[in-house]
C-alpha atoms as a PDB file:
ATOM      1  CA  MET A   1     -65.503 -15.041  46.272  1.00  0.00           C
ATOM      2  CA  THR A   2     -66.707 -12.656  48.873  1.00  0.00           C
ATOM      3  CA  ILE A   3     -64.206  -9.516  50.164  1.00  0.00           C
ATOM      4  CA  SER A   4     -65.254  -6.945  52.389  1.00  0.00           C
ATOM      5  CA  PHE A   5     -65.484  -3.017  51.242  1.00  0.00           C
ATOM      6  CA  PRO A   6     -62.198  -1.616  51.272  1.00  0.00           C
ATOM      7  CA  GLU A   7     -62.327   0.556  54.453  1.00  0.00           C
ATOM      8  CA  PRO A   8     -60.849   3.734  54.367  1.00  0.00           C
ATOM      9  CA  THR A   9     -59.548   3.027  57.784  1.00  0.00           C
ATOM     10  CA  ALA A  10     -58.165   0.267  56.841  1.00  0.00           C
ATOM     11  CA  PRO A  11     -54.228  -0.141  57.035  1.00  0.00           C
ATOM     12  CA  ALA A  12     -52.835  -0.340  53.730  1.00  0.00           C
ATOM     13  CA  ARG A  13     -48.552  -0.571  53.179  1.00  0.00           C
ATOM     14  CA  SER A  14     -48.521   2.030  49.949  1.00  0.00           C
ATOM     15  CA  ARG A  15     -51.315   3.452  47.929  1.00  0.00           C
ATOM     16  CA  THR A  16     -50.875   0.938  44.925  1.00  0.00           C
ATOM     17  CA  GLU A  17     -52.406  -1.235  47.832  1.00  0.00           C
ATOM     18  CA  VAL A  18     -55.399   0.744  48.243  1.00  0.00           C
ATOM     19  CA  LEU A  19     -56.343   1.142  44.942  1.00  0.00           C
ATOM     20  CA  VAL A  20     -55.637  -3.063  44.225  1.00  0.00           C
ATOM     21  CA  ARG A  21     -57.749  -3.192  47.515  1.00  0.00           C
ATOM     22  CA  TYR A  22     -60.760  -1.314  45.800  1.00  0.00           C
ATOM     23  CA  LEU A  23     -59.986  -2.829  42.069  1.00  0.00           C
ATOM     24  CA  ASP A  24     -60.294  -6.037  43.503  1.00  0.00           C
ATOM     25  CA  TYR A  25     -63.320  -5.839  45.871  1.00  0.00           C
ATOM     26  CA  TYR A  26     -65.724  -4.294  42.878  1.00  0.00           C
ATOM     27  CA  ARG A  27     -64.375  -7.081  40.532  1.00  0.00           C
ATOM     28  CA  ALA A  28     -65.683  -9.311  43.098  1.00  0.00           C
ATOM     29  CA  VAL A  29     -68.903  -7.228  43.295  1.00  0.00           C
ATOM     30  CA  VAL A  30     -69.450  -7.980  39.293  1.00  0.00           C
ATOM     31  CA  LEU A  31     -68.997 -11.650  39.697  1.00  0.00           C
ATOM     32  CA  ALA A  32     -71.339 -11.685  42.735  1.00  0.00           C
ATOM     33  CA  LYS A  33     -73.967  -9.407  41.252  1.00  0.00           C
ATOM     34  CA  VAL A  34     -73.887 -11.839  37.856  1.00  0.00           C
ATOM     35  CA  ASP A  35     -73.580 -15.266  39.875  1.00  0.00           C
ATOM     36  CA  GLY A  36     -77.575 -16.695  39.961  1.00  0.00           C
ATOM     37  CA  LEU A  37     -78.515 -15.738  36.875  1.00  0.00           C
ATOM     38  CA  THR A  38     -79.705 -18.110  34.134  1.00  0.00           C
ATOM     39  CA  GLU A  39     -77.724 -18.250  31.082  1.00  0.00           C
ATOM     40  CA  ALA A  40     -80.452 -16.397  29.328  1.00  0.00           C
ATOM     41  CA  GLN A  41     -80.275 -13.359  32.186  1.00  0.00           C
ATOM     42  CA  LEU A  42     -76.418 -13.453  31.326  1.00  0.00           C
ATOM     43  CA  ARG A  43     -76.790 -13.518  27.646  1.00  0.00           C
ATOM     44  CA  GLY A  44     -80.064 -11.825  27.126  1.00  0.00           C
ATOM     45  CA  SER A  45     -80.718  -7.944  27.615  1.00  0.00           C
ATOM     46  CA  ILE A  46     -83.119  -5.681  29.335  1.00  0.00           C
ATOM     47  CA  LEU A  47     -81.864  -2.384  28.263  1.00  0.00           C
ATOM     48  CA  PRO A  48     -82.721  -0.201  25.690  1.00  0.00           C
ATOM     49  CA  SER A  49     -79.110  -0.391  24.507  1.00  0.00           C
ATOM     50  CA  GLY A  50     -78.940  -3.668  23.797  1.00  0.00           C
ATOM     51  CA  TRP A  51     -75.864  -4.979  26.532  1.00  0.00           C
ATOM     52  CA  SER A  52     -75.878  -8.188  28.215  1.00  0.00           C
ATOM     53  CA  PRO A  53     -74.343  -8.558  31.720  1.00  0.00           C
ATOM     54  CA  LEU A  54     -71.847 -11.182  30.016  1.00  0.00           C
ATOM     55  CA  GLU A  55     -70.910  -8.409  27.731  1.00  0.00           C
ATOM     56  CA  LEU A  56     -70.243  -6.063  30.350  1.00  0.00           C
ATOM     57  CA  VAL A  57     -68.070  -8.662  32.503  1.00  0.00           C
ATOM     58  CA  LYS A  58     -66.250  -9.141  28.970  1.00  0.00           C
ATOM     59  CA  HIS A  59     -65.697  -5.763  28.206  1.00  0.00           C
ATOM     60  CA  LEU A  60     -64.705  -4.864  32.062  1.00  0.00           C
ATOM     61  CA  THR A  61     -62.094  -7.701  31.238  1.00  0.00           C
ATOM     62  CA  TYR A  62     -61.130  -5.916  28.387  1.00  0.00           C
ATOM     63  CA  VAL A  63     -60.870  -2.605  29.743  1.00  0.00           C
ATOM     64  CA  GLU A  64     -58.561  -3.842  32.205  1.00  0.00           C
ATOM     65  CA  LEU A  65     -56.375  -5.821  29.577  1.00  0.00           C
ATOM     66  CA  ARG A  66     -56.072  -2.267  27.487  1.00  0.00           C
ATOM     67  CA  TRP A  67     -55.367   0.300  30.255  1.00  0.00           C
ATOM     68  CA  LEU A  68     -52.588  -1.783  31.673  1.00  0.00           C
ATOM     69  CA  GLU A  69     -51.063  -4.388  29.977  1.00  0.00           C
ATOM     70  CA  TRP A  70     -51.268  -2.718  26.286  1.00  0.00           C
ATOM     71  CA  GLY A  71     -51.544   0.467  27.255  1.00  0.00           C
ATOM     72  CA  PHE A  72     -49.174   1.023  30.457  1.00  0.00           C
ATOM     73  CA  GLU A  73     -46.836  -1.882  29.696  1.00  0.00           C
ATOM     74  CA  GLY A  74     -46.739  -1.285  26.079  1.00  0.00           C
ATOM     75  CA  ALA A  75     -46.789  -4.954  25.747  1.00  0.00           C
ATOM     76  CA  PRO A  76     -48.335  -6.196  22.465  1.00  0.00           C
ATOM     77  CA  VAL A  77     -51.830  -7.705  22.281  1.00  0.00           C
ATOM     78  CA  ALA A  78     -53.432  -9.267  19.634  1.00  0.00           C
ATOM     79  CA  ASP A  79     -56.819  -7.343  19.821  1.00  0.00           C
ATOM     80  CA  PRO A  80     -57.072  -4.943  22.421  1.00  0.00           C
ATOM     81  CA  TRP A  81     -60.733  -4.460  21.291  1.00  0.00           C
ATOM     82  CA  GLY A  82     -62.153  -8.030  21.646  1.00  0.00           C
ATOM     83  CA  ASP A  83     -64.631  -7.022  23.471  1.00  0.00           C
ATOM     84  CA  HIS A  84     -66.343  -5.040  20.633  1.00  0.00           C
ATOM     85  CA  GLU A  85     -68.077  -6.058  17.515  1.00  0.00           C
ATOM     86  CA  GLY A  86     -68.429  -2.706  15.692  1.00  0.00           C
ATOM     87  CA  GLU A  87     -69.535  -0.146  18.319  1.00  0.00           C
ATOM     88  CA  ARG A  88     -70.739  -2.522  20.768  1.00  0.00           C
ATOM     89  CA  TRP A  89     -69.940  -5.087  23.163  1.00  0.00           C
ATOM     90  CA  HIS A  90     -70.155  -8.517  22.098  1.00  0.00           C
ATOM     91  CA  VAL A  91     -69.897 -12.192  23.607  1.00  0.00           C
ATOM     92  CA  GLY A  92     -70.074 -14.484  20.693  1.00  0.00           C
ATOM     93  CA  ASP A  93     -72.190 -17.589  21.139  1.00  0.00           C
ATOM     94  CA  ASP A  94     -68.968 -19.752  21.542  1.00  0.00           C
ATOM     95  CA  GLU A  95     -67.492 -17.793  24.938  1.00  0.00           C
ATOM     96  CA  ALA A  96     -68.828 -19.729  27.987  1.00  0.00           C
ATOM     97  CA  ALA A  97     -69.762 -17.522  30.295  1.00  0.00           C
ATOM     98  CA  ALA A  98     -67.685 -19.517  33.209  1.00  0.00           C
ATOM     99  CA  ASP A  99     -65.005 -18.853  30.840  1.00  0.00           C
ATOM    100  CA  LEU A 100     -65.667 -14.872  31.100  1.00  0.00           C
ATOM    101  CA  LEU A 101     -65.964 -15.216  34.286  1.00  0.00           C
ATOM    102  CA  ALA A 102     -62.622 -16.936  35.109  1.00  0.00           C
ATOM    103  CA  ALA A 103     -60.914 -14.109  32.984  1.00  0.00           C
ATOM    104  CA  LEU A 104     -62.464 -11.526  34.619  1.00  0.00           C
ATOM    105  CA  GLN A 105     -60.597 -13.289  37.465  1.00  0.00           C
ATOM    106  CA  ALA A 106     -57.344 -14.046  36.093  1.00  0.00           C
ATOM    107  CA  ARG A 107     -57.119 -10.552  34.676  1.00  0.00           C
ATOM    108  CA  GLY A 108     -57.714  -9.337  37.735  1.00  0.00           C
ATOM    109  CA  ARG A 109     -54.666 -11.073  39.070  1.00  0.00           C
ATOM    110  CA  VAL A 110     -52.785  -9.624  35.864  1.00  0.00           C
ATOM    111  CA  THR A 111     -53.253  -6.076  37.271  1.00  0.00           C
ATOM    112  CA  ALA A 112     -52.246  -6.379  40.333  1.00  0.00           C
ATOM    113  CA  ALA A 113     -49.056  -8.176  39.358  1.00  0.00           C
ATOM    114  CA  ILE A 114     -48.443  -4.903  37.030  1.00  0.00           C
ATOM    115  CA  ALA A 115     -49.216  -2.433  39.918  1.00  0.00           C
ATOM    116  CA  HIS A 116     -47.103  -3.714  42.341  1.00  0.00           C
ATOM    117  CA  ARG A 117     -43.898  -4.141  39.571  1.00  0.00           C
ATOM    118  CA  HIS A 118     -44.247  -0.053  39.403  1.00  0.00           C
ATOM    119  CA  LEU A 119     -44.384   2.860  41.310  1.00  0.00           C
ATOM    120  CA  LEU A 120     -47.668   5.011  40.799  1.00  0.00           C
ATOM    121  CA  ASP A 121     -45.682   8.032  39.405  1.00  0.00           C
ATOM    122  CA  ASP A 122     -44.306   5.407  36.605  1.00  0.00           C
ATOM    123  CA  VAL A 123     -45.326   6.553  33.208  1.00  0.00           C
ATOM    124  CA  GLY A 124     -46.827   4.174  31.129  1.00  0.00           C
ATOM    125  CA  ALA A 125     -45.132   3.035  27.528  1.00  0.00           C
ATOM    126  CA  PRO A 126     -46.002   5.162  24.282  1.00  0.00           C
ATOM    127  CA  GLY A 127     -47.683   2.933  22.128  1.00  0.00           C
ATOM    128  CA  GLU A 128     -50.848   2.540  20.122  1.00  0.00           C
ATOM    129  CA  ARG A 129     -53.390   2.629  23.170  1.00  0.00           C
ATOM    130  CA  TRP A 130     -52.653   6.483  23.137  1.00  0.00           C
ATOM    131  CA  ASP A 131     -53.136   7.810  20.213  1.00  0.00           C
ATOM    132  CA  GLY A 132     -50.197   9.797  19.850  1.00  0.00           C
ATOM    133  CA  ALA A 133     -51.082  11.787  22.889  1.00  0.00           C
ATOM    134  CA  PRO A 134     -48.546  10.917  26.115  1.00  0.00           C
ATOM    135  CA  PRO A 135     -48.508   8.077  27.709  1.00  0.00           C
ATOM    136  CA  ALA A 136     -50.905   7.846  31.354  1.00  0.00           C
ATOM    137  CA  THR A 137     -48.987   7.322  34.972  1.00  0.00           C
ATOM    138  CA  LEU A 138     -49.816   4.154  36.279  1.00  0.00           C
ATOM    139  CA  GLU A 139     -51.852   5.904  38.861  1.00  0.00           C
ATOM    140  CA  ARG A 140     -54.058   7.453  36.423  1.00  0.00           C
ATOM    141  CA  CYS A 141     -54.677   4.156  34.715  1.00  0.00           C
ATOM    142  CA  LEU A 142     -55.345   2.544  37.840  1.00  0.00           C
ATOM    143  CA  LEU A 143     -57.693   5.281  38.871  1.00  0.00           C
ATOM    144  CA  HIS A 144     -59.355   5.150  35.329  1.00  0.00           C
ATOM    145  CA  VAL A 145     -59.961   1.312  35.500  1.00  0.00           C
ATOM    146  CA  MET A 146     -61.834   1.932  39.038  1.00  0.00           C
ATOM    147  CA  GLN A 147     -64.189   4.744  37.323  1.00  0.00           C
ATOM    148  CA  GLU A 148     -64.913   2.360  34.660  1.00  0.00           C
ATOM    149  CA  TYR A 149     -65.544  -0.544  37.255  1.00  0.00           C
ATOM    150  CA  ALA A 150     -67.961   2.102  39.397  1.00  0.00           C
ATOM    151  CA  ARG A 151     -70.197   2.742  36.703  1.00  0.00           C
ATOM    152  CA  HIS A 152     -70.798  -0.185  35.261  1.00  0.00           C
ATOM    153  CA  LEU A 153     -71.256  -1.931  38.590  1.00  0.00           C
ATOM    154  CA  GLY A 154     -73.768   0.728  39.108  1.00  0.00           C
ATOM    155  CA  HIS A 155     -75.692   0.091  35.727  1.00  0.00           C
ATOM    156  CA  LEU A 156     -75.447  -4.085  36.115  1.00  0.00           C
ATOM    157  CA  ASP A 157     -77.027  -2.808  39.899  1.00  0.00           C
ATOM    158  CA  VAL A 158     -79.821  -1.954  38.307  1.00  0.00           C
ATOM    159  CA  VAL A 159     -79.983  -4.440  35.553  1.00  0.00           C
ATOM    160  CA  ARG A 160     -80.075  -7.093  38.370  1.00  0.00           C
ATOM    161  CA  GLU A 161     -82.806  -5.533  40.507  1.00  0.00           C
ATOM    162  CA  LEU A 162     -84.919  -5.406  37.182  1.00  0.00           C
ATOM    163  CA  LEU A 163     -84.009  -9.444  36.522  1.00  0.00           C
ATOM    164  CA  ASP A 164     -84.931 -10.738  39.852  1.00  0.00           C
ATOM    165  CA  GLY A 165     -85.333  -8.330  42.541  1.00  0.00           C
ATOM    166  CA  VAL A 166     -81.873  -8.417  43.993  1.00  0.00           C
ATOM    167  CA  THR A 167     -80.347  -5.956  45.781  1.00  0.00           C
ATOM    168  CA  GLY A 168     -76.999  -5.392  47.850  1.00  0.00           C
ATOM    169  CA  GLU A 169     -73.486  -5.225  46.971  1.00  0.00           C
ATOM    170  CA  SER A 170     -73.440  -9.117  47.146  1.00  0.00           C
END
């Protein structure tokens, strides 16, 4: 999947469209960054903290789930922290890389649908996600998810360069 950077001068119908474009872009770059890695590289870690590229992919999928479907919309979710085992990100041996990559893409479609169903100023549903605090607006949820992508994509950039020297946004 190739997607162009959402240039600030590109016409957009709304701020929501702009935010969704950025999220789509970041998600596509994450997928491009892990493309071409071997199964061992996807599941292994070269970092002292121990996370793997596949764990990062699963984490980003759950970030979107937690902030938008479970958090903002207040939908029931069986295991909103399913990307964690204790304090660490986790991917089980029985979880196929292709399935986790497809799940990230599918989650992006859910995020876009949620974003387009609501106004950016809409306040989320009360629920567990907020730990008793007032729910965030859709705009704040989308911006939080965007900063998660930007931060973790930087991490993935470095990991990919250390693994095989690949640099750049694709």
